[in-house]
C-alpha cells in the first residue's frame, strides 16, 4: 500500500427508524461489516479507527436508572427495530476485541442527534419531524415555546373496548353511546395518570397540557412518527389506518412540553377539547374561554 492513513472513520449506516423497519438485515450488516473493514485497514496501516457509535447502545433504562457511560439497558431482541442499536453494540465489542487481540488503536464516540441545516427531510425520527413540522406550522411552536424537554405519549384502552362497542352498537345503540362516552372518560383518566407520573418524575419543571396530532395546524400524519418512535404497535398494539386515525379508537398520542419557567397561559381552543363535538357554546357560535 503506497499511502498512509492517520484516522479511519466508518460513517456509512442507516440512521433513521424507517430504514430500520424496511432494511433490518442491511442495517446490521452495514454496521458490523463496516466496522470490520475499518479495523482490518487500520491493522494494515497503523491508523486509528474513530468509530461512530450511538447513544442507543445504552438501551432502555430500567425504572429510575440514570444513564452513565458504562450503562447497558435492555433492548428488545424480538423487535427488528433493535437491529440498529444491537449491531452498534456488536461493532463496539468488535472494536474492543481488535484492540485487545491485534493492538489496533480505536477511539469510540457515541453520537446523539444533531439538528441543523444538514438534517434530511426524509429523517423519520420523531424529534426531527417535530422540528420540520414546527417550521411548517405555528401551533406546535407556540405550544412548546420555552420548553427544554418534550415527552411523547401513546396510550390505549385496547382492542377489547372496540369490540365491546361494536357489539353494543348492534344490540342497543343508546347503551353503545353511553359506553362510548365512558370509554372516552377512561382513556382521559389514563392520560391524567401519565400527567401525574411526569409531574412526580420532573418535580422541578413546569409542564404544558397535552397536545395531539390533529390539533390546530399540527398535522395528523404525525401519528405515525409517535408510534414508530415509541414502538407502540409492538408494545401496546396501537396502530393507525390509512387516514392516520388511531386503532384501537379509544387511544391517544400526544406531546407534553417541560420547561424551567412557567409556560405562558394560552387558550387551548376547541381543537383540544373532548367536548368539541357536542359543545353548547360551539353550537351557538360562542366560546367557553378556555
C-alpha atoms as a PDB file:
ATOM      1  CA  UNK A   1       0.000   0.000   0.000  1.00  0.00           C
ATOM      2  CA  UNK A   2       1.589   3.256  -1.170  1.00  0.00           C
ATOM      3  CA  UNK A   3      -0.253   5.683   1.099  1.00  0.00           C
ATOM      4  CA  UNK A   4      -0.519   6.304   4.825  1.00  0.00           C
ATOM      5  CA  UNK A   5      -3.580   6.934   6.947  1.00  0.00           C
ATOM      6  CA  UNK A   6      -3.920   8.702  10.271  1.00  0.00           C
ATOM      7  CA  UNK A   7      -7.605   8.093  11.016  1.00  0.00           C
ATOM      8  CA  UNK A   8     -10.327   5.847   9.587  1.00  0.00           C
ATOM      9  CA  UNK A   9     -13.930   6.874  10.265  1.00  0.00           C
ATOM     10  CA  UNK A  10     -16.596   4.380   9.051  1.00  0.00           C
ATOM     11  CA  UNK A  11     -19.677   6.601   8.721  1.00  0.00           C
ATOM     12  CA  UNK A  12     -21.856   4.530   6.373  1.00  0.00           C
ATOM     13  CA  UNK A  13     -25.014   3.491   8.224  1.00  0.00           C
ATOM     14  CA  UNK A  14     -28.800   3.660   8.270  1.00  0.00           C
ATOM     15  CA  UNK A  15     -29.720   6.136  10.986  1.00  0.00           C
ATOM     16  CA  UNK A  16     -33.480   6.558  10.962  1.00  0.00           C
ATOM     17  CA  UNK A  17     -36.357   4.260  12.008  1.00  0.00           C
ATOM     18  CA  UNK A  18     -37.940   3.866   8.574  1.00  0.00           C
ATOM     19  CA  UNK A  19     -34.712   2.333   7.246  1.00  0.00           C
ATOM     20  CA  UNK A  20     -34.527   0.046  10.295  1.00  0.00           C
ATOM     21  CA  UNK A  21     -38.010  -1.316   9.622  1.00  0.00           C
ATOM     22  CA  UNK A  22     -37.530  -1.691   5.860  1.00  0.00           C
ATOM     23  CA  UNK A  23     -33.951  -2.997   5.817  1.00  0.00           C
ATOM     24  CA  UNK A  24     -33.064  -4.529   9.204  1.00  0.00           C
ATOM     25  CA  UNK A  25     -30.680  -7.113   7.706  1.00  0.00           C
ATOM     26  CA  UNK A  26     -28.843  -4.486   5.668  1.00  0.00           C
ATOM     27  CA  UNK A  27     -28.708  -2.192   8.701  1.00  0.00           C
ATOM     28  CA  UNK A  28     -26.949  -4.873  10.752  1.00  0.00           C
ATOM     29  CA  UNK A  29     -24.502  -5.838   8.004  1.00  0.00           C
ATOM     30  CA  UNK A  30     -23.590  -2.246   7.114  1.00  0.00           C
ATOM     31  CA  UNK A  31     -22.700  -1.519  10.735  1.00  0.00           C
ATOM     32  CA  UNK A  32     -20.840  -4.733  11.532  1.00  0.00           C
ATOM     33  CA  UNK A  33     -19.062  -5.228   8.201  1.00  0.00           C
ATOM     34  CA  UNK A  34     -18.236  -1.529   8.018  1.00  0.00           C
ATOM     35  CA  UNK A  35     -16.564  -1.722  11.414  1.00  0.00           C
ATOM     36  CA  UNK A  36     -14.703  -4.885  10.391  1.00  0.00           C
ATOM     37  CA  UNK A  37     -13.352  -3.357   7.168  1.00  0.00           C
ATOM     38  CA  UNK A  38     -12.220  -0.225   9.028  1.00  0.00           C
ATOM     39  CA  UNK A  39     -10.463  -2.275  11.719  1.00  0.00           C
ATOM     40  CA  UNK A  40      -8.731  -4.512   9.163  1.00  0.00           C
ATOM     41  CA  UNK A  41      -7.482  -1.477   7.246  1.00  0.00           C
ATOM     42  CA  UNK A  42      -6.287   0.117  10.482  1.00  0.00           C
ATOM     43  CA  UNK A  43      -4.326  -3.028  11.319  1.00  0.00           C
ATOM     44  CA  UNK A  44      -2.605  -2.887   7.910  1.00  0.00           C
ATOM     45  CA  UNK A  45      -1.775   0.836   8.004  1.00  0.00           C
ATOM     46  CA  UNK A  46      -1.324   1.592  11.700  1.00  0.00           C
ATOM     47  CA  UNK A  47      -4.130   4.163  11.556  1.00  0.00           C
ATOM     48  CA  UNK A  48      -6.524   4.903  14.407  1.00  0.00           C
ATOM     49  CA  UNK A  49     -10.170   3.989  13.964  1.00  0.00           C
ATOM     50  CA  UNK A  50     -12.547   6.680  15.160  1.00  0.00           C
ATOM     51  CA  UNK A  51     -15.686   4.593  15.465  1.00  0.00           C
ATOM     52  CA  UNK A  52     -19.018   6.477  15.449  1.00  0.00           C
ATOM     53  CA  UNK A  53     -21.354   4.524  17.690  1.00  0.00           C
ATOM     54  CA  UNK A  54     -24.681   5.751  19.086  1.00  0.00           C
ATOM     55  CA  UNK A  55     -26.323   6.653  22.381  1.00  0.00           C
ATOM     56  CA  UNK A  56     -28.845   3.930  21.551  1.00  0.00           C
ATOM     57  CA  UNK A  57     -26.348   1.322  22.798  1.00  0.00           C
ATOM     58  CA  UNK A  58     -27.387   2.340  26.328  1.00  0.00           C
ATOM     59  CA  UNK A  59     -30.754   0.664  25.680  1.00  0.00           C
ATOM     60  CA  UNK A  60     -33.883   1.399  27.675  1.00  0.00           C
ATOM     61  CA  UNK A  61     -33.433   2.482  31.264  1.00  0.00           C
ATOM     62  CA  UNK A  62     -34.894   0.219  33.933  1.00  0.00           C
ATOM     63  CA  UNK A  63     -37.122   2.017  36.439  1.00  0.00           C
ATOM     64  CA  UNK A  64     -35.479   5.196  37.693  1.00  0.00           C
ATOM     65  CA  UNK A  65     -31.982   4.263  36.483  1.00  0.00           C
ATOM     66  CA  UNK A  66     -29.727   7.139  35.443  1.00  0.00           C
ATOM     67  CA  UNK A  67     -27.597   6.675  32.342  1.00  0.00           C
ATOM     68  CA  UNK A  68     -23.827   6.551  32.921  1.00  0.00           C
ATOM     69  CA  UNK A  69     -21.012   5.887  30.476  1.00  0.00           C
ATOM     70  CA  UNK A  70     -20.928   2.173  31.325  1.00  0.00           C
ATOM     71  CA  UNK A  71     -24.716   1.685  31.479  1.00  0.00           C
ATOM     72  CA  UNK A  72     -26.239  -1.060  29.332  1.00  0.00           C
ATOM     73  CA  UNK A  73     -30.015  -1.116  29.447  1.00  0.00           C
ATOM     74  CA  UNK A  74     -32.470  -3.560  27.948  1.00  0.00           C
ATOM     75  CA  UNK A  75     -33.012  -3.983  24.209  1.00  0.00           C
ATOM     76  CA  UNK A  76     -35.995  -5.896  22.852  1.00  0.00           C
ATOM     77  CA  UNK A  77     -34.449  -8.543  20.595  1.00  0.00           C
ATOM     78  CA  UNK A  78     -37.884  -9.732  19.441  1.00  0.00           C
ATOM     79  CA  UNK A  79     -38.264  -6.482  17.526  1.00  0.00           C
ATOM     80  CA  UNK A  80     -36.385  -5.820  14.278  1.00  0.00           C
ATOM     81  CA  UNK A  81     -36.101  -2.176  15.423  1.00  0.00           C
ATOM     82  CA  UNK A  82     -33.253  -3.401  17.647  1.00  0.00           C
ATOM     83  CA  UNK A  83     -31.160  -4.110  14.547  1.00  0.00           C
ATOM     84  CA  UNK A  84     -29.525  -0.683  14.767  1.00  0.00           C
ATOM     85  CA  UNK A  85     -28.549  -0.388  18.455  1.00  0.00           C
ATOM     86  CA  UNK A  86     -27.674  -4.070  18.774  1.00  0.00           C
ATOM     87  CA  UNK A  87     -25.413  -4.016  15.701  1.00  0.00           C
ATOM     88  CA  UNK A  88     -23.716  -0.929  17.122  1.00  0.00           C
ATOM     89  CA  UNK A  89     -23.152  -2.821  20.364  1.00  0.00           C
ATOM     90  CA  UNK A  90     -21.621  -5.686  18.390  1.00  0.00           C
ATOM     91  CA  UNK A  91     -19.436  -3.231  16.492  1.00  0.00           C
ATOM     92  CA  UNK A  92     -18.212  -1.693  19.736  1.00  0.00           C
ATOM     93  CA  UNK A  93     -17.387  -5.196  21.005  1.00  0.00           C
ATOM     94  CA  UNK A  94     -15.538  -5.850  17.746  1.00  0.00           C
ATOM     95  CA  UNK A  95     -13.506  -2.673  18.262  1.00  0.00           C
ATOM     96  CA  UNK A  96     -12.612  -3.719  21.807  1.00  0.00           C
ATOM     97  CA  UNK A  97     -11.635  -7.173  20.521  1.00  0.00           C
ATOM     98  CA  UNK A  98      -9.350  -5.775  17.800  1.00  0.00           C
ATOM     99  CA  UNK A  99      -7.678  -3.572  20.422  1.00  0.00           C
ATOM    100  CA  UNK A 100      -7.151  -6.491  22.816  1.00  0.00           C
ATOM    101  CA  UNK A 101      -6.132  -9.160  20.296  1.00  0.00           C
ATOM    102  CA  UNK A 102      -4.431  -7.259  17.472  1.00  0.00           C
ATOM    103  CA  UNK A 103      -3.345  -3.987  19.066  1.00  0.00           C
ATOM    104  CA  UNK A 104      -5.421  -1.797  16.758  1.00  0.00           C
ATOM    105  CA  UNK A 105      -5.876   1.775  18.004  1.00  0.00           C
ATOM    106  CA  UNK A 106      -9.558   2.676  18.391  1.00  0.00           C
ATOM    107  CA  UNK A 107     -11.493   5.614  19.781  1.00  0.00           C
ATOM    108  CA  UNK A 108     -15.266   5.134  20.213  1.00  0.00           C
ATOM    109  CA  UNK A 109     -17.677   8.051  20.272  1.00  0.00           C
ATOM    110  CA  UNK A 110     -21.393   7.659  20.968  1.00  0.00           C
ATOM    111  CA  UNK A 111     -23.248  10.162  18.846  1.00  0.00           C
ATOM    112  CA  UNK A 112     -26.567  11.746  19.683  1.00  0.00           C
ATOM    113  CA  UNK A 113     -28.978  13.697  17.483  1.00  0.00           C
ATOM    114  CA  UNK A 114     -27.666  16.807  15.730  1.00  0.00           C
ATOM    115  CA  UNK A 115     -30.161  19.319  14.390  1.00  0.00           C
ATOM    116  CA  UNK A 116     -29.339  21.882  11.734  1.00  0.00           C
ATOM    117  CA  UNK A 117     -29.143  22.561   8.009  1.00  0.00           C
ATOM    118  CA  UNK A 118     -27.822  19.069   7.231  1.00  0.00           C
ATOM    119  CA  UNK A 119     -30.890  17.328   8.674  1.00  0.00           C
ATOM    120  CA  UNK A 120     -32.638  15.407   5.898  1.00  0.00           C
ATOM    121  CA  UNK A 121     -36.353  15.964   5.189  1.00  0.00           C
ATOM    122  CA  UNK A 122     -36.639  12.171   4.975  1.00  0.00           C
ATOM    123  CA  UNK A 123     -35.408  11.690   8.569  1.00  0.00           C
ATOM    124  CA  UNK A 124     -38.200   9.744  10.301  1.00  0.00           C
ATOM    125  CA  UNK A 125     -37.053  10.308  13.857  1.00  0.00           C
ATOM    126  CA  UNK A 126     -39.954  11.817  15.796  1.00  0.00           C
ATOM    127  CA  UNK A 127     -37.677  14.548  17.155  1.00  0.00           C
ATOM    128  CA  UNK A 128     -36.607  15.509  13.627  1.00  0.00           C
ATOM    129  CA  UNK A 129     -40.199  15.518  12.430  1.00  0.00           C
ATOM    130  CA  UNK A 130     -41.161  17.787  15.325  1.00  0.00           C
ATOM    131  CA  UNK A 131     -38.692  20.382  14.123  1.00  0.00           C
ATOM    132  CA  UNK A 132     -39.763  20.132  10.491  1.00  0.00           C
ATOM    133  CA  UNK A 133     -43.450  20.269  11.361  1.00  0.00           C
ATOM    134  CA  UNK A 134     -42.780  23.176  13.697  1.00  0.00           C
ATOM    135  CA  UNK A 135     -41.253  25.110  10.821  1.00  0.00           C
ATOM    136  CA  UNK A 136     -44.349  24.372   8.728  1.00  0.00           C
ATOM    137  CA  UNK A 137     -46.950  25.133  11.425  1.00  0.00           C
ATOM    138  CA  UNK A 138     -47.367  27.660  14.198  1.00  0.00           C
ATOM    139  CA  UNK A 139     -49.440  25.873  16.837  1.00  0.00           C
ATOM    140  CA  UNK A 140     -46.843  23.327  17.926  1.00  0.00           C
ATOM    141  CA  UNK A 141     -44.222  26.088  18.042  1.00  0.00           C
ATOM    142  CA  UNK A 142     -46.336  28.133  20.433  1.00  0.00           C
ATOM    143  CA  UNK A 143     -47.195  25.078  22.485  1.00  0.00           C
ATOM    144  CA  UNK A 144     -43.549  24.131  23.100  1.00  0.00           C
ATOM    145  CA  UNK A 145     -42.216  27.689  23.355  1.00  0.00           C
ATOM    146  CA  UNK A 146     -39.602  27.920  26.107  1.00  0.00           C
ATOM    147  CA  UNK A 147     -39.575  24.156  26.747  1.00  0.00           C
ATOM    148  CA  UNK A 148     -36.270  22.347  27.235  1.00  0.00           C
ATOM    149  CA  UNK A 149     -37.745  18.849  27.041  1.00  0.00           C
ATOM    150  CA  UNK A 150     -40.624  17.146  25.276  1.00  0.00           C
ATOM    151  CA  UNK A 151     -42.359  13.971  26.427  1.00  0.00           C
ATOM    152  CA  UNK A 152     -44.193  11.721  23.966  1.00  0.00           C
ATOM    153  CA  UNK A 153     -47.252   9.711  24.964  1.00  0.00           C
ATOM    154  CA  UNK A 154     -49.066   6.779  23.396  1.00  0.00           C
ATOM    155  CA  UNK A 155     -51.979   5.291  25.359  1.00  0.00           C
ATOM    156  CA  UNK A 156     -54.839   2.924  24.551  1.00  0.00           C
ATOM    157  CA  UNK A 157     -57.668   1.044  26.252  1.00  0.00           C
ATOM    158  CA  UNK A 158     -57.048  -1.854  23.890  1.00  0.00           C
ATOM    159  CA  UNK A 159     -58.923  -3.656  21.147  1.00  0.00           C
ATOM    160  CA  UNK A 160     -61.347  -5.285  23.603  1.00  0.00           C
ATOM    161  CA  UNK A 161     -63.122  -1.986  24.188  1.00  0.00           C
ATOM    162  CA  UNK A 162     -63.603  -1.509  20.436  1.00  0.00           C
ATOM    163  CA  UNK A 163     -65.108  -4.977  20.159  1.00  0.00           C
ATOM    164  CA  UNK A 164     -67.479  -4.307  23.041  1.00  0.00           C
ATOM    165  CA  UNK A 165     -68.651  -1.036  21.458  1.00  0.00           C
ATOM    166  CA  UNK A 166     -69.282  -2.704  18.099  1.00  0.00           C
ATOM    167  CA  UNK A 167     -71.388  -5.414  19.734  1.00  0.00           C
ATOM    168  CA  UNK A 168     -73.447  -2.860  21.669  1.00  0.00           C
ATOM    169  CA  UNK A 169     -73.997  -0.771  18.536  1.00  0.00           C
ATOM    170  CA  UNK A 170     -75.859  -3.759  17.100  1.00  0.00           C
ATOM    171  CA  UNK A 171     -77.687  -4.719  20.293  1.00  0.00           C
ATOM    172  CA  UNK A 172     -78.614  -1.371  21.814  1.00  0.00           C
ATOM    173  CA  UNK A 173     -77.470   1.939  20.295  1.00  0.00           C
ATOM    174  CA  UNK A 174     -78.377   4.019  23.356  1.00  0.00           C
ATOM    175  CA  UNK A 175     -76.253   1.746  25.561  1.00  0.00           C
ATOM    176  CA  UNK A 176     -73.453   1.931  22.994  1.00  0.00           C
ATOM    177  CA  UNK A 177     -73.487   5.747  23.161  1.00  0.00           C
ATOM    178  CA  UNK A 178     -73.189   5.654  26.955  1.00  0.00           C
ATOM    179  CA  UNK A 179     -70.365   3.094  26.839  1.00  0.00           C
ATOM    180  CA  UNK A 180     -68.563   5.137  24.202  1.00  0.00           C
ATOM    181  CA  UNK A 181     -68.681   8.202  26.465  1.00  0.00           C
ATOM    182  CA  UNK A 182     -67.449   6.157  29.434  1.00  0.00           C
ATOM    183  CA  UNK A 183     -64.564   4.806  27.349  1.00  0.00           C
ATOM    184  CA  UNK A 184     -63.611   8.368  26.381  1.00  0.00           C
ATOM    185  CA  UNK A 185     -63.547   9.299  30.074  1.00  0.00           C
ATOM    186  CA  UNK A 186     -61.461   6.199  30.835  1.00  0.00           C
ATOM    187  CA  UNK A 187     -58.724   6.978  28.306  1.00  0.00           C
ATOM    188  CA  UNK A 188     -58.608  10.561  29.591  1.00  0.00           C
ATOM    189  CA  UNK A 189     -58.109   9.200  33.111  1.00  0.00           C
ATOM    190  CA  UNK A 190     -55.225   7.081  31.816  1.00  0.00           C
ATOM    191  CA  UNK A 191     -53.657  10.225  30.341  1.00  0.00           C
ATOM    192  CA  UNK A 192     -54.160  12.105  33.598  1.00  0.00           C
ATOM    193  CA  UNK A 193     -52.285   9.330  35.398  1.00  0.00           C
ATOM    194  CA  UNK A 194     -49.483   9.893  32.924  1.00  0.00           C
ATOM    195  CA  UNK A 195     -49.575  13.651  33.636  1.00  0.00           C
ATOM    196  CA  UNK A 196     -49.212  12.917  37.351  1.00  0.00           C
ATOM    197  CA  UNK A 197     -46.360  10.464  36.702  1.00  0.00           C
ATOM    198  CA  UNK A 198     -44.441  13.091  34.709  1.00  0.00           C
ATOM    199  CA  UNK A 199     -45.065  15.693  37.412  1.00  0.00           C
ATOM    200  CA  UNK A 200     -43.586  13.322  40.019  1.00  0.00           C
ATOM    201  CA  UNK A 201     -40.626  12.402  37.802  1.00  0.00           C
ATOM    202  CA  UNK A 202     -39.742  16.034  36.989  1.00  0.00           C
ATOM    203  CA  UNK A 203     -40.859  17.956  40.089  1.00  0.00           C
ATOM    204  CA  UNK A 204     -38.689  20.996  39.277  1.00  0.00           C
ATOM    205  CA  UNK A 205     -40.128  21.509  35.796  1.00  0.00           C
ATOM    206  CA  UNK A 206     -43.394  23.043  34.628  1.00  0.00           C
ATOM    207  CA  UNK A 207     -45.426  21.053  32.109  1.00  0.00           C
ATOM    208  CA  UNK A 208     -47.704  22.115  29.308  1.00  0.00           C
ATOM    209  CA  UNK A 209     -51.015  20.444  28.619  1.00  0.00           C
ATOM    210  CA  UNK A 210     -51.055  17.513  26.223  1.00  0.00           C
ATOM    211  CA  UNK A 211     -51.073  18.430  22.525  1.00  0.00           C
ATOM    212  CA  UNK A 212     -52.038  15.785  19.963  1.00  0.00           C
ATOM    213  CA  UNK A 213     -51.600  15.387  16.197  1.00  0.00           C
ATOM    214  CA  UNK A 214     -54.633  16.894  14.505  1.00  0.00           C
ATOM    215  CA  UNK A 215     -54.912  19.794  16.966  1.00  0.00           C
ATOM    216  CA  UNK A 216     -54.878  23.144  15.173  1.00  0.00           C
ATOM    217  CA  UNK A 217     -52.424  23.039  12.273  1.00  0.00           C
ATOM    218  CA  UNK A 218     -50.380  20.191  13.793  1.00  0.00           C
ATOM    219  CA  UNK A 219     -50.662  17.523  11.052  1.00  0.00           C
ATOM    220  CA  UNK A 220     -52.488  14.343  11.954  1.00  0.00           C
ATOM    221  CA  UNK A 221     -49.955  12.288   9.975  1.00  0.00           C
ATOM    222  CA  UNK A 222     -47.572  12.893  12.893  1.00  0.00           C
ATOM    223  CA  UNK A 223     -49.346   9.916  14.484  1.00  0.00           C
ATOM    224  CA  UNK A 224     -47.087   7.522  12.567  1.00  0.00           C
ATOM    225  CA  UNK A 225     -43.922   9.123  13.947  1.00  0.00           C
ATOM    226  CA  UNK A 226     -45.167   8.828  17.521  1.00  0.00           C
ATOM    227  CA  UNK A 227     -45.995   5.162  17.009  1.00  0.00           C
ATOM    228  CA  UNK A 228     -42.644   4.427  15.352  1.00  0.00           C
ATOM    229  CA  UNK A 229     -40.559   6.287  17.912  1.00  0.00           C
ATOM    230  CA  UNK A 230     -42.296   4.624  20.886  1.00  0.00           C
ATOM    231  CA  UNK A 231     -42.621   1.208  19.220  1.00  0.00           C
ATOM    232  CA  UNK A 232     -46.333   1.375  20.038  1.00  0.00           C
ATOM    233  CA  UNK A 233     -47.541  -1.327  17.600  1.00  0.00           C
ATOM    234  CA  UNK A 234     -45.311  -3.894  19.290  1.00  0.00           C
ATOM    235  CA  UNK A 235     -45.638  -2.719  22.889  1.00  0.00           C
ATOM    236  CA  UNK A 236     -49.343  -1.840  23.191  1.00  0.00           C
ATOM    237  CA  UNK A 237     -50.892  -2.872  19.858  1.00  0.00           C
ATOM    238  CA  UNK A 238     -51.545   0.723  18.757  1.00  0.00           C
ATOM    239  CA  UNK A 239     -51.575   1.449  15.004  1.00  0.00           C
ATOM    240  CA  UNK A 240     -53.274   3.801  12.524  1.00  0.00           C
ATOM    241  CA  UNK A 241     -55.416   3.351   9.443  1.00  0.00           C
ATOM    242  CA  UNK A 242     -54.643   4.958   6.078  1.00  0.00           C
ATOM    243  CA  UNK A 243     -56.134   8.245   7.312  1.00  0.00           C
ATOM    244  CA  UNK A 244     -53.889   8.229  10.408  1.00  0.00           C
ATOM    245  CA  UNK A 245     -56.800   7.596  12.781  1.00  0.00           C
ATOM    246  CA  UNK A 246     -55.753   5.518  15.755  1.00  0.00           C
ATOM    247  CA  UNK A 247     -56.656   1.844  16.086  1.00  0.00           C
ATOM    248  CA  UNK A 248     -57.980   0.935  18.670  1.00  0.00           C
ATOM    249  CA  UNK A 249     -60.157   4.042  18.613  1.00  0.00           C
ATOM    250  CA  UNK A 250     -60.030   4.749  22.338  1.00  0.00           C
ATOM    251  CA  UNK A 251     -56.395   5.761  22.180  1.00  0.00           C
ATOM    252  CA  UNK A 252     -54.293   8.911  22.464  1.00  0.00           C
ATOM    253  CA  UNK A 253     -50.970  10.171  21.167  1.00  0.00           C
ATOM    254  CA  UNK A 254     -49.690  13.482  22.483  1.00  0.00           C
ATOM    255  CA  UNK A 255     -46.670  15.594  23.309  1.00  0.00           C
ATOM    256  CA  UNK A 256     -46.121  17.468  26.537  1.00  0.00           C
ATOM    257  CA  UNK A 257     -43.502  20.185  26.934  1.00  0.00           C
ATOM    258  CA  UNK A 258     -41.366  20.617  30.077  1.00  0.00           C
ATOM    259  CA  UNK A 259     -39.902  23.978  30.976  1.00  0.00           C
ATOM    260  CA  UNK A 260     -37.777  25.530  33.727  1.00  0.00           C
ATOM    261  CA  UNK A 261     -40.150  28.509  33.738  1.00  0.00           C
ATOM    262  CA  UNK A 262     -43.925  28.527  33.837  1.00  0.00           C
ATOM    263  CA  UNK A 263     -45.328  28.430  30.281  1.00  0.00           C
ATOM    264  CA  UNK A 264     -47.431  31.424  29.235  1.00  0.00           C
ATOM    265  CA  UNK A 265     -51.150  30.947  29.693  1.00  0.00           C
ATOM    266  CA  UNK A 266     -52.942  30.470  26.380  1.00  0.00           C
ATOM    267  CA  UNK A 267     -56.402  29.431  25.396  1.00  0.00           C
ATOM    268  CA  UNK A 268     -56.365  25.773  24.446  1.00  0.00           C
ATOM    269  CA  UNK A 269     -59.069  26.248  21.843  1.00  0.00           C
ATOM    270  CA  UNK A 270     -61.835  23.968  20.635  1.00  0.00           C
ATOM    271  CA  UNK A 271     -59.457  21.667  18.747  1.00  0.00           C
ATOM    272  CA  UNK A 272     -58.041  20.267  22.007  1.00  0.00           C
ATOM    273  CA  UNK A 273     -61.389  19.812  23.774  1.00  0.00           C
ATOM    274  CA  UNK A 274     -63.016  16.391  24.201  1.00  0.00           C
ATOM    275  CA  UNK A 275     -66.457  18.062  24.119  1.00  0.00           C
ATOM    276  CA  UNK A 276     -65.990  19.886  20.834  1.00  0.00           C
ATOM    277  CA  UNK A 277     -68.485  17.586  19.062  1.00  0.00           C
ATOM    278  CA  UNK A 278     -71.313  18.287  21.496  1.00  0.00           C
ATOM    279  CA  UNK A 279     -70.420  21.700  22.942  1.00  0.00           C
ATOM    280  CA  UNK A 280     -73.353  24.065  23.512  1.00  0.00           C
ATOM    281  CA  UNK A 281     -71.032  27.071  23.152  1.00  0.00           C
ATOM    282  CA  UNK A 282     -69.904  25.956  19.687  1.00  0.00           C
ATOM    283  CA  UNK A 283     -73.446  25.195  18.582  1.00  0.00           C
ATOM    284  CA  UNK A 284     -74.407  28.809  19.167  1.00  0.00           C
ATOM    285  CA  UNK A 285     -71.146  30.190  17.733  1.00  0.00           C
ATOM    286  CA  UNK A 286     -69.644  31.072  21.112  1.00  0.00           C
ATOM    287  CA  UNK A 287     -66.568  30.017  23.082  1.00  0.00           C
ATOM    288  CA  UNK A 288     -66.156  28.960  26.694  1.00  0.00           C
ATOM    289  CA  UNK A 289     -62.929  30.974  27.009  1.00  0.00           C
ATOM    290  CA  UNK A 290     -60.749  28.002  27.977  1.00  0.00           C
END
